[in-house]
N, C-alpha and C. Protein backbone atom coordinates (compact mmCIF):
# COMPACT_ATOMS: atom_id res chain seq x y z
N MET A 1 13.40 25.00 -12.04
CA MET A 1 12.42 24.08 -11.47
C MET A 1 13.05 22.63 -11.21
N GLY A 2 12.74 21.94 -10.12
CA GLY A 2 12.94 20.81 -9.88
C GLY A 2 12.37 19.74 -10.30
N SER A 3 12.83 19.47 -11.61
CA SER A 3 11.94 18.68 -12.72
C SER A 3 12.79 17.08 -12.69
N ALA A 4 11.99 16.13 -13.04
CA ALA A 4 12.47 14.82 -13.04
C ALA A 4 13.37 14.51 -14.13
N VAL A 5 13.51 15.36 -15.19
CA VAL A 5 14.42 15.56 -16.14
C VAL A 5 15.63 16.31 -15.93
N GLU A 6 15.46 17.28 -15.19
CA GLU A 6 16.68 18.30 -15.22
C GLU A 6 17.50 18.26 -13.96
N ARG A 7 17.23 17.66 -13.05
CA ARG A 7 17.48 17.80 -11.47
C ARG A 7 18.88 16.96 -11.56
N ASP A 8 19.41 16.23 -12.54
CA ASP A 8 20.69 15.64 -12.53
C ASP A 8 20.94 14.95 -11.32
N GLY A 9 20.11 13.93 -10.77
CA GLY A 9 20.18 13.09 -9.71
C GLY A 9 19.80 13.60 -8.51
N ILE A 10 19.62 14.92 -8.16
CA ILE A 10 19.45 15.58 -6.92
C ILE A 10 17.89 15.09 -6.66
N MET A 11 18.01 14.31 -5.41
CA MET A 11 16.45 14.12 -5.15
C MET A 11 16.16 14.86 -3.58
N GLY A 12 14.64 15.01 -3.59
CA GLY A 12 14.34 15.65 -2.23
C GLY A 12 14.56 14.53 -1.22
N ILE A 13 14.25 15.00 -0.04
CA ILE A 13 14.42 14.15 1.06
C ILE A 13 13.51 12.76 1.05
N LEU A 14 12.28 13.10 0.66
CA LEU A 14 11.29 12.00 0.72
C LEU A 14 11.36 11.25 -0.23
N GLU A 15 12.15 11.33 -1.42
CA GLU A 15 12.46 10.65 -2.68
C GLU A 15 13.41 9.47 -2.25
N ASP A 16 14.16 9.35 -1.22
CA ASP A 16 15.06 8.42 -0.88
C ASP A 16 14.15 7.53 -0.11
N LYS A 17 13.91 6.16 -0.61
CA LYS A 17 13.10 5.15 -0.58
C LYS A 17 12.84 4.81 1.13
N SER A 18 14.26 4.91 1.76
CA SER A 18 14.34 4.66 3.40
C SER A 18 13.59 5.83 4.08
N ASN A 19 13.80 6.98 3.57
CA ASN A 19 13.21 8.09 4.19
C ASN A 19 11.74 8.13 4.27
N ALA A 20 11.28 7.71 2.94
CA ALA A 20 9.96 7.81 2.81
C ALA A 20 9.23 6.65 3.54
N ARG A 21 9.92 5.49 3.88
CA ARG A 21 9.24 4.64 4.66
C ARG A 21 9.02 4.93 6.24
N LEU A 22 10.17 5.61 6.38
CA LEU A 22 10.38 6.07 7.99
C LEU A 22 9.13 7.10 8.02
N PHE A 23 8.97 7.88 7.21
CA PHE A 23 7.98 9.09 7.30
C PHE A 23 6.70 8.57 7.19
N TYR A 24 6.21 7.72 6.51
CA TYR A 24 4.97 6.92 6.38
C TYR A 24 4.87 5.98 7.82
N LYS A 25 5.83 5.67 8.32
CA LYS A 25 5.72 4.84 9.54
C LYS A 25 4.94 5.49 10.63
N TYR A 26 5.26 6.80 10.78
CA TYR A 26 4.56 7.82 11.83
C TYR A 26 3.42 8.46 11.06
N LEU A 27 3.46 8.77 9.70
CA LEU A 27 2.31 9.53 9.13
C LEU A 27 0.85 8.42 8.99
N SER A 28 1.38 7.32 9.16
CA SER A 28 -0.04 6.64 8.85
C SER A 28 -0.95 6.61 9.91
N THR A 29 -0.65 6.90 11.07
CA THR A 29 -1.42 6.90 12.36
C THR A 29 -2.43 8.14 12.19
N VAL A 30 -2.21 9.09 11.22
CA VAL A 30 -3.15 10.29 11.12
C VAL A 30 -3.26 10.62 9.74
N TYR A 31 -2.79 9.67 8.69
CA TYR A 31 -2.94 9.94 7.51
C TYR A 31 -4.49 10.38 6.92
N ASP A 32 -5.18 9.36 7.22
CA ASP A 32 -6.57 9.71 6.83
C ASP A 32 -7.15 10.94 7.26
N ARG A 33 -6.80 11.43 8.27
CA ARG A 33 -7.37 12.83 9.00
C ARG A 33 -6.74 13.79 8.05
N VAL A 34 -5.35 13.81 7.80
CA VAL A 34 -4.59 15.11 6.99
C VAL A 34 -4.87 15.08 5.73
N ASN A 35 -5.01 13.61 5.11
CA ASN A 35 -5.30 13.81 3.74
C ASN A 35 -6.19 14.50 3.36
N ARG A 36 -7.28 14.27 3.80
CA ARG A 36 -8.69 14.96 3.48
C ARG A 36 -8.45 16.41 3.21
N PHE A 37 -7.73 17.22 3.74
CA PHE A 37 -7.72 18.66 3.44
C PHE A 37 -6.91 18.85 2.03
N ASN A 38 -6.21 18.00 1.64
CA ASN A 38 -5.66 18.14 0.28
C ASN A 38 -5.87 17.39 -0.94
N TRP A 39 -6.49 16.03 -0.40
CA TRP A 39 -7.06 15.12 -1.65
C TRP A 39 -8.25 14.60 -0.87
N THR A 40 -9.52 15.16 -1.46
CA THR A 40 -10.76 14.84 -1.01
C THR A 40 -11.57 13.77 -1.90
N GLU A 41 -12.80 13.31 -1.09
CA GLU A 41 -13.38 12.53 -1.92
C GLU A 41 -14.12 13.16 -3.11
N GLU A 42 -14.25 14.44 -3.10
CA GLU A 42 -14.86 15.00 -4.31
C GLU A 42 -13.63 15.14 -5.62
N MET A 43 -12.73 15.28 -5.00
CA MET A 43 -11.42 15.32 -5.93
C MET A 43 -11.12 13.83 -6.46
N ARG A 44 -11.19 13.01 -5.77
CA ARG A 44 -11.13 11.44 -6.16
C ARG A 44 -12.19 11.16 -7.08
N SER A 45 -13.60 11.56 -6.79
CA SER A 45 -14.69 11.22 -7.69
C SER A 45 -14.50 12.00 -9.00
N GLU A 46 -13.97 13.29 -9.04
CA GLU A 46 -13.91 13.63 -10.14
C GLU A 46 -12.84 12.92 -11.19
N ALA A 47 -11.54 12.54 -10.41
CA ALA A 47 -10.44 11.91 -11.18
C ALA A 47 -11.12 10.78 -11.80
N LEU A 48 -11.84 9.89 -10.83
CA LEU A 48 -12.48 8.70 -11.50
C LEU A 48 -13.37 8.81 -12.83
N SER A 49 -13.95 10.03 -12.66
CA SER A 49 -15.17 10.24 -13.95
C SER A 49 -14.29 10.50 -15.14
N TRP A 50 -13.15 10.74 -15.20
CA TRP A 50 -12.14 10.88 -16.26
C TRP A 50 -11.78 9.32 -16.91
N LEU A 51 -12.04 8.26 -16.09
CA LEU A 51 -11.53 7.01 -16.42
C LEU A 51 -12.79 6.30 -17.03
N GLU A 52 -12.69 5.29 -17.75
CA GLU A 52 -13.78 4.38 -18.29
C GLU A 52 -13.65 2.96 -17.90
N PHE A 53 -14.87 2.55 -17.27
CA PHE A 53 -14.73 1.32 -16.50
C PHE A 53 -15.77 0.37 -17.16
N ASP A 54 -15.27 -0.80 -17.23
CA ASP A 54 -16.13 -2.02 -17.63
C ASP A 54 -16.38 -3.01 -16.36
N GLY A 55 -17.36 -3.75 -16.47
CA GLY A 55 -17.79 -4.49 -15.18
C GLY A 55 -16.67 -5.57 -14.99
N ASP A 56 -15.96 -6.08 -15.86
CA ASP A 56 -14.83 -7.03 -15.53
C ASP A 56 -13.31 -6.38 -15.68
N ASP A 57 -13.22 -5.15 -15.44
CA ASP A 57 -11.85 -4.68 -15.35
C ASP A 57 -11.13 -5.10 -14.13
N ARG A 58 -9.85 -5.54 -14.43
CA ARG A 58 -8.77 -5.51 -13.47
C ARG A 58 -8.12 -4.14 -13.08
N VAL A 59 -8.26 -3.81 -11.98
CA VAL A 59 -7.55 -2.48 -11.62
C VAL A 59 -6.43 -2.58 -10.55
N LEU A 60 -5.33 -1.67 -10.68
CA LEU A 60 -4.21 -1.70 -9.78
C LEU A 60 -4.03 -0.39 -9.46
N ASP A 61 -4.16 -0.28 -8.00
CA ASP A 61 -3.56 0.98 -7.26
C ASP A 61 -2.05 1.02 -6.68
N VAL A 62 -1.41 1.84 -7.37
CA VAL A 62 0.13 1.73 -7.18
C VAL A 62 0.12 2.99 -5.98
N GLY A 63 0.94 2.52 -4.93
CA GLY A 63 1.26 3.55 -3.80
C GLY A 63 -0.29 3.66 -3.07
N CYS A 64 -0.96 2.54 -3.00
CA CYS A 64 -2.21 2.42 -2.39
C CYS A 64 -2.46 3.14 -0.90
N GLY A 65 -1.28 3.32 -0.18
CA GLY A 65 -1.31 3.74 1.29
C GLY A 65 -2.35 3.23 2.00
N THR A 66 -3.24 4.06 2.58
CA THR A 66 -4.20 3.49 3.57
C THR A 66 -5.42 2.98 2.89
N GLY A 67 -5.74 3.33 1.49
CA GLY A 67 -6.62 2.94 0.60
C GLY A 67 -7.44 3.99 0.23
N PHE A 68 -7.05 5.22 0.40
CA PHE A 68 -8.17 6.20 -0.11
C PHE A 68 -8.68 6.22 -1.39
N GLY A 69 -7.83 6.00 -2.44
CA GLY A 69 -7.88 5.69 -3.80
C GLY A 69 -8.74 4.37 -4.19
N THR A 70 -8.22 3.31 -3.14
CA THR A 70 -8.68 2.09 -3.36
C THR A 70 -10.12 2.02 -3.20
N THR A 71 -10.48 2.71 -2.26
CA THR A 71 -12.03 2.80 -1.70
C THR A 71 -12.94 3.47 -3.16
N GLY A 72 -12.32 4.52 -3.77
CA GLY A 72 -13.09 5.05 -4.93
C GLY A 72 -13.27 3.90 -5.85
N LEU A 73 -11.82 3.36 -6.14
CA LEU A 73 -11.78 2.36 -7.25
C LEU A 73 -12.88 1.17 -7.08
N LEU A 74 -13.24 0.82 -5.98
CA LEU A 74 -14.10 -0.33 -5.61
C LEU A 74 -15.52 0.12 -6.00
N GLU A 75 -15.88 1.35 -6.15
CA GLU A 75 -16.92 1.78 -6.73
C GLU A 75 -17.40 1.42 -8.02
N HIS A 76 -16.23 1.16 -8.78
CA HIS A 76 -16.28 0.94 -10.36
C HIS A 76 -15.77 -0.24 -10.62
N ALA A 77 -15.11 -1.21 -9.79
CA ALA A 77 -14.53 -2.24 -10.14
C ALA A 77 -14.61 -3.25 -9.11
N ASP A 78 -14.70 -4.57 -9.48
CA ASP A 78 -14.69 -5.50 -8.47
C ASP A 78 -13.27 -6.17 -8.31
N ASP A 79 -12.61 -6.28 -9.21
CA ASP A 79 -11.16 -6.95 -9.33
C ASP A 79 -10.19 -5.84 -9.03
N VAL A 80 -9.87 -5.58 -7.72
CA VAL A 80 -8.87 -4.54 -7.40
C VAL A 80 -7.89 -4.90 -6.61
N HIS A 81 -6.44 -4.42 -6.89
CA HIS A 81 -5.22 -4.88 -6.55
C HIS A 81 -4.79 -3.53 -5.95
N GLY A 82 -3.99 -3.56 -4.82
CA GLY A 82 -3.13 -2.50 -4.22
C GLY A 82 -1.67 -2.86 -3.76
N LEU A 83 -1.04 -2.04 -4.30
CA LEU A 83 0.57 -1.99 -3.93
C LEU A 83 1.18 -1.13 -3.13
N ASP A 84 1.83 -1.01 -2.10
CA ASP A 84 2.67 -0.03 -1.40
C ASP A 84 3.92 -0.55 -0.86
N GLN A 85 4.82 0.43 -0.85
CA GLN A 85 6.24 -0.13 0.06
C GLN A 85 6.22 -0.03 1.48
N SER A 86 5.10 0.63 1.98
CA SER A 86 5.10 0.95 3.27
C SER A 86 3.95 0.04 4.15
N ILE A 87 4.40 -0.62 4.77
CA ILE A 87 3.74 -1.86 5.53
C ILE A 87 2.85 -1.10 6.54
N HIS A 88 3.30 -0.02 6.92
CA HIS A 88 2.46 0.59 8.07
C HIS A 88 1.34 1.25 7.40
N GLN A 89 1.46 1.95 6.03
CA GLN A 89 0.33 2.28 5.44
C GLN A 89 -0.70 1.11 5.00
N MET A 90 -0.10 0.04 4.57
CA MET A 90 -0.86 -1.04 4.27
C MET A 90 -1.57 -1.59 5.32
N GLU A 91 -0.98 -1.44 6.38
CA GLU A 91 -1.81 -2.26 7.65
C GLU A 91 -3.32 -1.35 8.01
N LYS A 92 -3.05 -0.07 7.74
CA LYS A 92 -4.23 0.75 7.80
C LYS A 92 -5.42 0.15 6.88
N ALA A 93 -4.89 -0.09 5.58
CA ALA A 93 -5.76 -0.47 4.59
C ALA A 93 -6.32 -1.96 4.85
N PHE A 94 -5.53 -2.77 5.23
CA PHE A 94 -5.92 -4.12 5.74
C PHE A 94 -7.03 -4.06 6.72
N GLU A 95 -6.92 -2.91 7.64
CA GLU A 95 -8.22 -2.92 8.57
C GLU A 95 -9.65 -2.41 7.84
N LYS A 96 -9.47 -1.98 6.71
CA LYS A 96 -10.69 -1.44 5.90
C LYS A 96 -11.14 -2.59 5.04
N PHE A 97 -10.29 -3.23 4.54
CA PHE A 97 -10.66 -4.31 3.48
C PHE A 97 -10.35 -5.82 3.82
N GLY A 98 -9.52 -5.85 4.73
CA GLY A 98 -8.91 -7.30 4.74
C GLY A 98 -7.63 -7.41 3.97
N LYS A 99 -6.88 -8.27 4.03
CA LYS A 99 -5.65 -8.73 3.30
C LYS A 99 -6.08 -9.28 2.02
N ARG A 100 -6.99 -10.10 1.82
CA ARG A 100 -7.45 -10.86 0.78
C ARG A 100 -8.75 -11.10 0.39
N ASP A 101 -9.68 -10.02 1.01
CA ASP A 101 -11.15 -10.05 0.81
C ASP A 101 -11.45 -9.33 -0.49
N ARG A 102 -11.68 -7.88 -0.27
CA ARG A 102 -12.24 -7.39 -1.39
C ARG A 102 -10.96 -6.84 -2.13
N VAL A 103 -9.83 -6.61 -1.61
CA VAL A 103 -8.78 -6.24 -2.32
C VAL A 103 -7.60 -7.26 -2.23
N ARG A 104 -6.79 -7.36 -3.29
CA ARG A 104 -5.49 -8.09 -2.98
C ARG A 104 -4.42 -7.21 -2.84
N PHE A 105 -3.64 -7.16 -1.96
CA PHE A 105 -2.49 -6.50 -1.67
C PHE A 105 -1.04 -6.72 -1.71
N TYR A 106 -0.25 -6.10 -2.21
CA TYR A 106 1.31 -6.48 -2.48
C TYR A 106 2.14 -5.40 -1.85
N ARG A 107 3.31 -5.64 -1.25
CA ARG A 107 4.19 -4.94 -0.88
C ARG A 107 5.13 -4.93 -1.83
N GLY A 108 5.61 -3.66 -2.39
CA GLY A 108 6.40 -3.72 -3.32
C GLY A 108 6.75 -2.09 -3.94
N ASP A 109 7.34 -2.12 -5.16
CA ASP A 109 8.05 -0.83 -5.38
C ASP A 109 7.50 -0.47 -6.79
N ALA A 110 6.95 0.70 -7.11
CA ALA A 110 6.37 1.40 -8.25
C ALA A 110 7.46 1.28 -9.29
N GLU A 111 8.54 1.32 -9.18
CA GLU A 111 9.57 1.24 -10.17
C GLU A 111 10.10 -0.23 -10.73
N ARG A 112 9.52 -1.13 -9.98
CA ARG A 112 9.91 -2.51 -10.27
C ARG A 112 8.73 -3.37 -9.85
N LEU A 113 7.64 -3.29 -10.66
CA LEU A 113 6.09 -3.93 -10.22
C LEU A 113 6.19 -5.21 -10.27
N PRO A 114 5.81 -5.93 -9.39
CA PRO A 114 5.84 -7.58 -9.52
C PRO A 114 4.65 -8.11 -10.24
N PHE A 115 4.35 -7.56 -11.39
CA PHE A 115 3.32 -8.17 -12.25
C PHE A 115 3.93 -8.10 -13.85
N VAL A 116 3.16 -9.16 -14.54
CA VAL A 116 3.53 -9.50 -15.71
C VAL A 116 3.20 -8.16 -16.72
N ASP A 117 3.62 -8.13 -18.08
CA ASP A 117 3.09 -7.36 -18.78
C ASP A 117 1.65 -7.40 -19.11
N ASP A 118 0.78 -6.17 -19.42
CA ASP A 118 -0.39 -6.25 -19.87
C ASP A 118 -1.40 -6.72 -18.82
N ALA A 119 -1.22 -6.67 -17.43
CA ALA A 119 -1.92 -7.51 -16.67
C ALA A 119 -3.24 -6.67 -16.16
N PHE A 120 -3.25 -5.24 -16.43
CA PHE A 120 -4.34 -4.44 -15.86
C PHE A 120 -5.20 -3.70 -16.68
N ASP A 121 -6.37 -3.48 -16.76
CA ASP A 121 -7.00 -2.70 -17.77
C ASP A 121 -7.11 -1.08 -17.15
N VAL A 122 -6.86 -0.95 -15.87
CA VAL A 122 -6.84 0.46 -15.38
C VAL A 122 -5.77 0.41 -14.41
N VAL A 123 -4.70 1.54 -14.42
CA VAL A 123 -3.66 1.40 -13.31
C VAL A 123 -3.96 2.77 -12.96
N TRP A 124 -3.95 2.83 -11.56
CA TRP A 124 -4.47 4.18 -10.96
C TRP A 124 -3.18 4.50 -9.74
N SER A 125 -2.77 5.72 -9.80
CA SER A 125 -1.44 6.05 -8.73
C SER A 125 -2.04 7.43 -8.22
N SER A 126 -2.20 7.56 -6.93
CA SER A 126 -2.47 9.15 -6.42
C SER A 126 -1.50 9.39 -5.21
N GLY A 127 -1.12 10.39 -5.17
CA GLY A 127 -0.27 10.65 -3.99
C GLY A 127 0.96 9.68 -3.94
N SER A 128 1.61 9.31 -4.81
CA SER A 128 2.78 8.44 -4.71
C SER A 128 3.98 8.85 -5.45
N ILE A 129 3.82 9.18 -6.96
CA ILE A 129 4.98 9.65 -7.74
C ILE A 129 5.58 10.54 -7.07
N GLU A 130 5.57 11.52 -6.22
CA GLU A 130 6.35 12.75 -5.82
C GLU A 130 7.57 11.88 -4.86
N TYR A 131 7.35 10.59 -4.32
CA TYR A 131 8.07 9.91 -3.75
C TYR A 131 8.99 9.00 -4.59
N TRP A 132 8.92 8.77 -5.75
CA TRP A 132 9.74 8.01 -6.55
C TRP A 132 11.17 8.66 -7.07
N PRO A 133 12.01 7.79 -6.53
CA PRO A 133 13.38 8.55 -6.98
C PRO A 133 13.52 8.78 -8.50
N ASN A 134 12.76 7.64 -9.39
CA ASN A 134 12.82 7.70 -10.84
C ASN A 134 11.62 7.71 -11.35
N PRO A 135 11.15 8.94 -11.41
CA PRO A 135 9.50 8.82 -11.83
C PRO A 135 9.21 8.19 -13.17
N ILE A 136 10.35 8.57 -14.09
CA ILE A 136 9.96 8.24 -15.35
C ILE A 136 10.20 6.69 -15.49
N ALA A 137 10.87 6.02 -14.82
CA ALA A 137 10.82 4.66 -14.87
C ALA A 137 9.54 4.17 -14.16
N GLY A 138 8.98 4.57 -13.13
CA GLY A 138 7.97 4.39 -12.52
C GLY A 138 6.81 4.50 -13.33
N LEU A 139 6.74 5.60 -14.23
CA LEU A 139 5.78 5.54 -15.22
C LEU A 139 5.65 4.77 -16.24
N ALA A 140 7.13 4.24 -16.65
CA ALA A 140 6.92 3.05 -17.70
C ALA A 140 6.70 2.01 -17.11
N GLU A 141 6.64 1.72 -15.80
CA GLU A 141 6.43 0.33 -15.33
C GLU A 141 4.73 0.58 -15.39
N LEU A 142 3.97 1.61 -14.98
CA LEU A 142 2.53 1.68 -14.85
C LEU A 142 2.13 1.29 -16.36
N ARG A 143 2.82 1.86 -17.41
CA ARG A 143 2.40 1.40 -18.84
C ARG A 143 2.67 0.06 -19.16
N ARG A 144 3.86 -0.61 -18.62
CA ARG A 144 4.15 -1.80 -19.02
C ARG A 144 3.10 -2.89 -18.30
N VAL A 145 2.69 -2.56 -17.28
CA VAL A 145 1.64 -3.52 -16.77
C VAL A 145 0.28 -3.08 -17.23
N ALA A 146 -0.08 -2.25 -17.88
CA ALA A 146 -1.53 -1.88 -18.31
C ALA A 146 -1.60 -2.54 -19.79
N LYS A 147 -2.73 -2.87 -20.13
CA LYS A 147 -2.91 -3.43 -21.31
C LYS A 147 -3.04 -2.46 -22.29
N PRO A 148 -2.61 -2.85 -23.60
CA PRO A 148 -2.74 -2.03 -24.73
C PRO A 148 -3.94 -1.23 -24.83
N GLY A 149 -4.22 -0.02 -24.91
CA GLY A 149 -5.36 0.80 -24.99
C GLY A 149 -6.14 0.94 -23.59
N GLY A 150 -5.38 0.37 -22.31
CA GLY A 150 -5.88 0.68 -21.31
C GLY A 150 -5.46 1.95 -20.87
N GLN A 151 -5.93 2.29 -19.37
CA GLN A 151 -5.75 3.68 -18.71
C GLN A 151 -4.82 3.72 -17.77
N VAL A 152 -4.29 4.81 -17.69
CA VAL A 152 -3.40 5.02 -16.51
C VAL A 152 -3.65 6.50 -15.97
N LEU A 153 -3.86 6.55 -14.86
CA LEU A 153 -4.10 7.83 -14.28
C LEU A 153 -3.14 7.94 -13.00
N VAL A 154 -2.61 9.24 -12.97
CA VAL A 154 -1.49 9.58 -12.10
C VAL A 154 -1.70 10.90 -11.33
N VAL A 155 -1.93 11.07 -10.06
CA VAL A 155 -2.06 12.30 -9.27
C VAL A 155 -0.73 12.68 -8.54
N GLY A 156 -0.38 13.84 -8.77
CA GLY A 156 1.01 14.20 -8.16
C GLY A 156 0.69 15.75 -7.81
N PRO A 157 2.00 16.36 -6.96
CA PRO A 157 1.87 17.54 -6.57
C PRO A 157 2.06 18.69 -7.74
N ASP A 158 1.35 19.76 -8.10
CA ASP A 158 1.60 20.71 -9.06
C ASP A 158 2.66 21.61 -8.51
N TYR A 159 3.55 21.96 -9.32
CA TYR A 159 4.56 23.05 -8.85
C TYR A 159 4.12 24.30 -8.41
N PRO A 160 4.63 24.84 -7.46
CA PRO A 160 3.91 25.95 -7.05
C PRO A 160 4.69 27.16 -7.61
N ASN A 161 4.14 28.39 -7.52
CA ASN A 161 4.38 29.64 -8.40
C ASN A 161 5.30 30.34 -7.74
N ASN A 162 5.39 30.34 -6.26
CA ASN A 162 6.09 31.20 -5.33
C ASN A 162 7.43 30.80 -5.38
N PRO A 163 8.59 31.52 -5.60
CA PRO A 163 10.13 30.89 -5.77
C PRO A 163 10.35 30.28 -4.32
N VAL A 164 9.84 30.93 -2.83
CA VAL A 164 10.36 30.38 -1.87
C VAL A 164 9.85 29.14 -1.76
N LEU A 165 8.54 28.85 -2.06
CA LEU A 165 7.87 27.57 -1.91
C LEU A 165 8.50 26.52 -2.92
N GLN A 166 8.90 26.86 -3.99
CA GLN A 166 9.67 26.04 -4.99
C GLN A 166 10.85 25.60 -4.52
N ARG A 167 11.62 26.30 -3.64
CA ARG A 167 12.81 25.82 -3.23
C ARG A 167 12.48 24.94 -1.99
N VAL A 168 11.64 25.11 -1.31
CA VAL A 168 11.17 24.18 -0.22
C VAL A 168 10.54 22.93 -1.04
N ALA A 169 9.96 23.13 -1.99
CA ALA A 169 9.34 21.84 -2.53
C ALA A 169 10.26 21.03 -3.02
N ASP A 170 11.34 21.79 -3.78
CA ASP A 170 12.59 20.77 -4.34
C ASP A 170 13.35 20.01 -3.12
N ALA A 171 13.52 20.62 -2.22
CA ALA A 171 14.36 20.05 -1.13
C ALA A 171 13.34 18.81 -0.63
N ILE A 172 12.20 18.66 -0.76
CA ILE A 172 11.33 17.65 0.16
C ILE A 172 11.23 16.42 -1.10
N MET A 173 10.43 16.66 -1.98
CA MET A 173 10.22 15.64 -3.07
C MET A 173 9.91 16.29 -4.47
N LEU A 174 9.40 15.45 -5.29
CA LEU A 174 9.13 15.96 -6.62
C LEU A 174 7.75 16.72 -6.67
N PHE A 175 7.84 17.97 -7.17
CA PHE A 175 6.80 18.69 -7.71
C PHE A 175 7.07 18.98 -9.17
N TYR A 176 5.90 19.03 -9.91
CA TYR A 176 5.95 19.17 -11.25
C TYR A 176 4.99 20.00 -12.02
N ASP A 177 5.10 20.50 -13.18
CA ASP A 177 3.97 21.34 -13.63
C ASP A 177 3.73 20.51 -14.97
N GLU A 178 2.73 21.10 -15.87
CA GLU A 178 2.17 20.38 -17.07
C GLU A 178 3.41 20.39 -18.00
N ASP A 179 4.34 21.31 -18.12
CA ASP A 179 5.41 21.12 -19.02
C ASP A 179 6.10 19.83 -18.64
N GLU A 180 6.47 19.67 -17.29
CA GLU A 180 7.39 18.68 -16.70
C GLU A 180 6.66 17.24 -17.05
N ALA A 181 5.35 17.54 -16.62
CA ALA A 181 4.31 16.26 -16.96
C ALA A 181 4.48 15.47 -18.28
N ASP A 182 4.40 16.76 -19.42
CA ASP A 182 4.48 16.23 -20.62
C ASP A 182 5.88 15.48 -20.98
N ARG A 183 7.06 16.11 -20.37
CA ARG A 183 8.25 15.54 -20.46
C ARG A 183 8.47 14.11 -20.19
N MET A 184 7.90 14.21 -18.74
CA MET A 184 8.14 12.72 -18.34
C MET A 184 7.16 11.65 -19.04
N PHE A 185 6.00 11.80 -19.28
CA PHE A 185 4.96 10.78 -19.90
C PHE A 185 5.58 10.56 -21.35
N GLU A 186 6.04 11.48 -21.97
CA GLU A 186 6.71 11.04 -23.42
C GLU A 186 7.83 10.33 -23.05
N ALA A 187 8.64 10.48 -21.94
CA ALA A 187 10.12 9.79 -22.12
C ALA A 187 9.59 8.43 -21.54
N ALA A 188 8.42 8.11 -20.76
CA ALA A 188 8.02 6.85 -20.42
C ALA A 188 7.28 6.11 -21.60
N GLY A 189 7.27 6.49 -22.66
CA GLY A 189 6.35 6.25 -23.63
C GLY A 189 4.94 6.14 -24.25
N TYR A 190 4.38 7.09 -23.31
CA TYR A 190 2.91 7.49 -23.34
C TYR A 190 2.88 8.33 -24.77
N GLU A 191 2.08 8.37 -25.63
CA GLU A 191 1.59 9.04 -26.61
C GLU A 191 0.40 10.14 -26.47
N SER A 192 -0.71 9.47 -25.94
CA SER A 192 -1.93 10.29 -25.67
C SER A 192 -2.17 10.35 -24.07
N PHE A 193 -2.36 11.74 -23.76
CA PHE A 193 -2.54 11.83 -22.17
C PHE A 193 -2.96 13.44 -22.06
N ASP A 194 -3.75 13.62 -21.02
CA ASP A 194 -4.34 14.87 -20.72
C ASP A 194 -4.05 15.12 -19.23
N HIS A 195 -3.87 16.43 -19.03
CA HIS A 195 -3.55 16.84 -17.52
C HIS A 195 -4.74 17.80 -17.01
N HIS A 196 -4.99 17.73 -15.79
CA HIS A 196 -6.17 18.42 -14.95
C HIS A 196 -5.36 18.80 -13.67
N ILE A 197 -5.82 20.03 -13.65
CA ILE A 197 -5.60 20.45 -12.29
C ILE A 197 -6.62 20.69 -11.19
N GLN A 198 -6.53 20.04 -9.83
CA GLN A 198 -7.50 19.94 -9.01
C GLN A 198 -7.04 20.68 -7.73
N ARG A 199 -7.93 21.14 -6.87
CA ARG A 199 -7.61 21.80 -5.77
C ARG A 199 -8.77 21.46 -4.66
N ALA A 200 -8.65 21.35 -3.56
CA ALA A 200 -9.65 21.12 -2.62
C ALA A 200 -10.33 22.33 -2.24
N SER A 201 -9.41 23.53 -2.39
CA SER A 201 -10.03 24.83 -1.71
C SER A 201 -9.09 25.87 -2.32
N PRO A 202 -9.27 26.96 -2.57
CA PRO A 202 -8.44 28.14 -2.98
C PRO A 202 -7.04 28.26 -2.12
N ARG A 203 -7.27 27.69 -1.03
CA ARG A 203 -5.97 27.73 -0.36
C ARG A 203 -5.11 26.80 -0.29
N SER A 204 -5.65 25.36 -0.83
CA SER A 204 -5.13 24.29 -0.74
C SER A 204 -4.11 24.12 -1.71
N PRO A 205 -3.15 23.26 -1.61
CA PRO A 205 -2.11 22.82 -2.66
C PRO A 205 -2.69 22.41 -3.84
N ARG A 206 -2.23 22.44 -5.10
CA ARG A 206 -2.99 22.16 -6.26
C ARG A 206 -2.27 20.76 -6.85
N ALA A 207 -3.08 19.75 -6.94
CA ALA A 207 -2.94 18.56 -7.48
C ALA A 207 -2.83 18.52 -9.08
N ILE A 208 -1.94 17.89 -9.68
CA ILE A 208 -1.97 17.81 -11.40
C ILE A 208 -2.25 16.01 -11.37
N THR A 209 -3.46 15.99 -11.96
CA THR A 209 -3.80 14.76 -12.36
C THR A 209 -3.73 14.41 -13.97
N THR A 210 -3.04 13.32 -14.24
CA THR A 210 -2.96 13.09 -15.42
C THR A 210 -3.55 11.58 -16.11
N VAL A 211 -4.41 11.75 -17.15
CA VAL A 211 -5.05 10.75 -17.53
C VAL A 211 -4.22 10.20 -19.04
N ALA A 212 -3.81 8.95 -18.88
CA ALA A 212 -2.94 8.59 -20.07
C ALA A 212 -3.75 7.39 -20.62
N ARG A 213 -3.75 7.05 -22.14
CA ARG A 213 -4.06 5.96 -22.72
C ARG A 213 -2.84 5.17 -23.19
N VAL A 214 -2.84 4.06 -22.77
CA VAL A 214 -1.53 3.13 -23.10
C VAL A 214 -1.61 2.59 -24.52
N PRO A 215 -0.63 2.90 -25.08
CA PRO A 215 -0.43 2.70 -26.52
C PRO A 215 -0.21 1.18 -26.95
N ASP A 216 -0.50 0.77 -28.23
CA ASP A 216 -0.63 -0.50 -28.61
C ASP A 216 1.09 -0.76 -28.51
N ARG A 217 1.48 -2.03 -28.23
CA ARG A 217 3.01 -2.42 -28.23
C ARG A 217 3.34 -2.49 -29.53
């Protein structure tokens, strides 16, 4: 299995940051139309229901892309921040929200977040972890910027069962199952978390959604 812990530095094509930026330069033009077949509004709403929101929560969307997850977060919080490494993806988000109107945006790297410790009540990341060269470092960064007792939600692609699809998946980017998710989150310093499998339709790829509680420092 192409796990984050066991691949010994071997990365899929899109886990290289420059390849991922080039990929999203072209995908950004059709991303919202393509995305809805694998990651739907219903799936987003279900994931949001696993979080607890207060009226004054400060929320971060890591790997916000064109703002699909951000849209859902705005239904639950007013103080929402979005970060992505692809300016082309973020330009689509700017068209929806403005640069500093409803959402404050930052261009940056999930593995080196430009925020102080304990800055956010909720940290959300959907459809991003699969592109991180070092997902454990990225998960540790999400934990670092979340307040003690805060919540971190991460959506990634569930590892396929078919051996042929497994080889294809490993060559492209990170796919992981619940056992691997356990190892990654534990290695990143989380103590309490739950995994959920989501799917748009019986023929759609599965998503693995992890909801974690940030431990006290």
